[in-house]
Protein backbone atom coordinates (compact mmCIF):
# COMPACT_ATOMS: atom_id res chain seq x y z
CA MET A 1 -247.93 -110.44 1.84
CA ARG A 2 -247.37 -106.74 2.30
CA GLN A 3 -245.00 -105.41 5.82
CA VAL A 4 -246.71 -102.70 7.18
CA ILE A 5 -244.02 -99.86 8.75
CA LEU A 6 -244.36 -97.85 11.61
CA HIS A 7 -242.74 -94.87 11.54
CA GLY A 8 -239.77 -96.00 9.96
CA TRP A 9 -239.95 -99.73 11.92
CA SER A 10 -241.43 -103.12 10.84
CA ARG A 11 -244.13 -105.01 12.19
CA SER A 12 -241.54 -107.71 13.44
CA ALA A 13 -239.05 -105.10 14.67
CA VAL A 14 -241.97 -103.71 16.89
CA LEU A 15 -243.03 -106.73 18.47
CA ALA A 16 -240.02 -108.14 19.17
CA LEU A 17 -239.01 -104.95 20.72
CA SER A 18 -243.06 -105.29 23.07
CA VAL A 19 -241.42 -108.78 23.62
CA LEU A 20 -238.26 -107.86 25.24
CA ALA A 21 -239.62 -104.81 27.08
CA THR A 22 -242.40 -106.99 28.78
CA CYS A 23 -240.44 -110.31 29.79
CA PRO A 24 -238.39 -108.97 32.59
CA LEU A 25 -241.67 -107.83 34.24
CA SER A 26 -243.21 -111.29 33.40
CA PRO A 27 -243.63 -113.96 35.97
CA VAL A 28 -242.97 -116.60 33.52
CA PRO A 29 -239.44 -116.94 32.46
CA CYS A 30 -238.79 -115.38 28.70
CA PRO A 31 -236.81 -117.74 26.59
CA THR A 32 -233.40 -116.48 26.00
CA VAL A 33 -230.76 -117.06 23.21
CA SER A 34 -227.12 -117.08 24.61
CA ALA A 35 -223.86 -118.47 23.26
CA GLU A 36 -222.15 -118.27 26.34
CA PRO A 37 -221.31 -121.90 27.90
CA GLU A 38 -222.65 -122.76 31.64
CA LEU A 39 -220.63 -121.08 34.33
CA LYS A 40 -219.43 -123.66 37.11
CA ILE A 41 -218.16 -122.35 39.56
CA GLY A 42 -216.27 -124.20 42.60
CA TYR A 43 -214.06 -123.27 45.67
CA VAL A 44 -211.11 -124.54 47.59
CA ASN A 45 -210.06 -124.63 50.72
CA MET A 46 -205.78 -123.85 49.59
CA ALA A 47 -204.67 -124.42 53.32
CA LYS A 48 -206.74 -127.35 53.86
CA VAL A 49 -205.34 -128.70 50.34
CA PHE A 50 -201.40 -127.27 51.24
CA ASP A 51 -201.52 -129.25 54.55
CA GLY A 52 -203.41 -132.00 53.25
CA TYR A 53 -200.95 -132.34 50.11
CA VAL A 54 -199.00 -135.82 50.74
CA LYS A 55 -195.86 -133.55 49.19
CA THR A 56 -196.16 -130.98 52.22
CA GLN A 57 -196.22 -133.45 54.84
CA ALA A 58 -193.53 -135.05 53.43
CA SER A 59 -191.32 -131.84 53.74
CA ASP A 60 -192.83 -130.73 56.92
CA ALA A 61 -191.11 -134.18 58.44
CA ALA A 62 -187.63 -133.73 56.42
CA LEU A 63 -187.27 -130.29 57.79
CA GLU A 64 -188.55 -131.38 61.19
CA LYS A 65 -185.60 -134.04 61.04
CA LYS A 66 -183.12 -131.86 59.95
CA GLY A 67 -184.13 -129.14 62.42
CA LYS A 68 -183.97 -131.81 64.77
CA GLN A 69 -180.19 -132.70 64.10
CA LYS A 70 -179.18 -128.79 64.62
CA GLU A 71 -181.02 -128.48 67.61
CA ALA A 72 -178.78 -131.97 68.67
CA GLU A 73 -175.73 -130.54 66.83
CA LEU A 74 -176.63 -127.01 69.49
CA LYS A 75 -177.18 -128.69 72.39
CA GLY A 76 -173.64 -130.55 72.10
CA ARG A 77 -172.00 -127.57 71.38
CA MET A 78 -173.68 -125.62 74.27
CA GLU A 79 -172.33 -128.64 76.11
CA GLU A 80 -168.73 -128.05 75.49
CA LEU A 81 -169.14 -124.57 76.24
CA GLN A 82 -170.93 -125.32 79.73
CA LYS A 83 -167.49 -127.71 80.32
CA MET A 84 -165.26 -125.05 79.25
CA ARG A 85 -166.94 -122.79 81.66
CA GLN A 86 -166.64 -125.09 84.72
CA SER A 87 -162.93 -125.78 83.85
CA LEU A 88 -162.31 -122.14 83.79
CA GLU A 89 -162.43 -122.07 87.84
CA LEU A 90 -159.55 -124.36 87.86
CA LEU A 91 -157.03 -122.25 85.64
CA SER A 92 -154.80 -120.01 87.04
CA ALA A 93 -155.32 -116.59 86.48
CA GLU A 94 -153.01 -115.98 83.06
CA ALA A 95 -154.68 -119.20 81.63
CA ARG A 96 -157.98 -118.15 82.83
CA GLU A 97 -158.19 -115.00 80.78
CA ALA A 98 -157.04 -116.62 77.63
CA LYS A 99 -159.45 -119.21 78.55
CA ALA A 100 -162.61 -116.81 78.66
CA ARG A 101 -161.52 -115.57 75.77
CA GLU A 102 -161.82 -118.89 73.81
CA ILE A 103 -165.46 -118.68 75.77
CA GLU A 104 -166.20 -115.80 74.71
CA GLU A 105 -165.62 -116.18 71.08
CA ARG A 106 -166.72 -120.01 70.94
CA ALA A 107 -170.52 -118.40 72.67
CA GLU A 108 -170.56 -115.62 69.88
CA GLU A 109 -169.84 -118.64 67.43
CA LEU A 110 -172.72 -120.53 69.07
CA GLN A 111 -174.77 -117.72 68.73
CA ARG A 112 -174.16 -117.15 65.07
CA PHE A 113 -174.79 -120.70 64.34
CA ARG A 114 -178.50 -120.89 65.95
CA THR A 115 -178.96 -117.74 63.76
CA HIS A 116 -177.64 -119.49 60.54
CA THR A 117 -179.65 -122.21 61.32
CA ALA A 118 -182.93 -120.83 61.88
CA ARG A 119 -182.44 -118.34 58.93
CA ASP A 120 -181.36 -121.38 56.40
CA LEU A 121 -184.37 -123.53 57.80
CA ARG A 122 -186.82 -120.59 57.40
CA ARG A 123 -185.61 -120.16 53.78
CA GLU A 124 -185.33 -123.47 52.83
CA ARG A 125 -189.25 -124.06 54.29
CA ASP A 126 -190.30 -121.16 52.64
CA VAL A 127 -188.53 -122.14 48.46
CA VAL A 128 -190.21 -125.62 49.76
CA ALA A 129 -193.27 -124.14 50.42
CA LYS A 130 -193.15 -122.00 46.91
CA GLY A 131 -192.62 -124.75 44.74
CA LEU A 132 -195.44 -126.83 46.40
CA LEU A 133 -197.83 -123.73 45.93
CA GLU A 134 -197.24 -123.67 42.26
CA GLU A 135 -197.66 -127.53 41.84
CA ILE A 136 -201.15 -126.96 43.75
CA GLN A 137 -201.57 -124.45 41.43
CA LYS A 138 -201.04 -126.15 38.19
CA ALA A 139 -202.65 -129.14 39.67
CA LEU A 140 -206.06 -126.85 40.21
CA GLN A 141 -205.62 -125.34 36.45
CA GLU A 142 -206.04 -128.86 35.43
CA PHE A 143 -208.85 -130.08 37.73
CA ALA A 144 -210.98 -126.99 36.26
CA LYS A 145 -210.30 -127.92 32.71
CA ALA A 146 -211.35 -131.43 33.06
CA ASN A 147 -214.07 -131.01 35.17
CA GLY A 148 -215.64 -127.97 33.22
CA PHE A 149 -215.47 -125.30 35.91
CA SER A 150 -215.30 -121.91 34.45
CA LEU A 151 -214.07 -120.37 38.49
CA ILE A 152 -212.68 -122.00 41.17
CA LEU A 153 -212.39 -119.33 44.09
CA ASP A 154 -209.79 -119.84 47.18
CA GLY A 155 -212.26 -120.33 50.08
CA GLN A 156 -210.38 -118.21 52.44
CA ALA A 157 -211.11 -115.10 50.53
CA MET A 158 -214.94 -115.67 50.24
CA VAL A 159 -217.39 -115.07 53.02
CA TYR A 160 -219.85 -117.83 52.00
CA GLY A 161 -219.94 -120.91 49.88
CA GLN A 162 -222.40 -123.80 50.30
CA ASP A 163 -220.66 -126.80 50.78
CA ALA A 164 -222.13 -128.11 47.38
CA TYR A 165 -219.23 -126.28 45.90
CA ASP A 166 -216.64 -127.08 47.95
CA VAL A 167 -214.45 -128.92 45.16
CA THR A 168 -211.15 -129.25 48.24
CA ASP A 169 -211.79 -132.80 48.67
CA GLU A 170 -211.71 -133.96 45.68
CA VAL A 171 -208.48 -131.43 44.65
CA LEU A 172 -206.65 -133.51 47.62
CA ALA A 173 -207.51 -137.00 46.27
CA MET A 174 -206.00 -135.90 42.89
CA LEU A 175 -203.07 -134.30 43.84
CA ASN A 176 -202.22 -137.09 46.54
CA GLY A 177 -203.34 -139.98 44.11
CA ARG A 178 -200.67 -138.46 41.78
CA ALA A 179 -197.91 -137.90 44.51
CA LYS A 180 -198.25 -141.66 45.32
CA GLY A 181 -197.89 -143.19 41.83
CA SER A 182 -194.88 -140.71 41.28
CA PRO A 183 -191.47 -141.96 41.57
């Protein structure tokens, strides 16, 4: 069989180019050959996952309990300071001056306690939240790999996403299942 060459091009090359040139204009889908895997995309509402995670809820409860303990301690110190101020009236002028300095020192100490307690609780919450977010991120990666996802996006950063692509509940169920199964 003899091949006809048109100005340096083989007949098969010309045919292939003509198919490629007309395929995008054709209403009939053109067959494509792709070595790329299918693109599977999902999204997750990170706030819902974080808030619904049983470990987040447990850490929130523990921090709330600690906060209430500190609040009770603060209230006790305030009541003690109030009693000291009330007893100030019954003292002589000399004793009153010394007691007033003590009351002022206690008031400053109380303010420092309040400030340090709030700062310490915030820091503890931030450290715990960072650890939980890292754990959630790892779980999301495992979920994506196990379920063949190419991408999982944060739903809060998206303008729109169809509900069919929302994997929030599945990820949350996986995380909570693991957490309940762990000691």
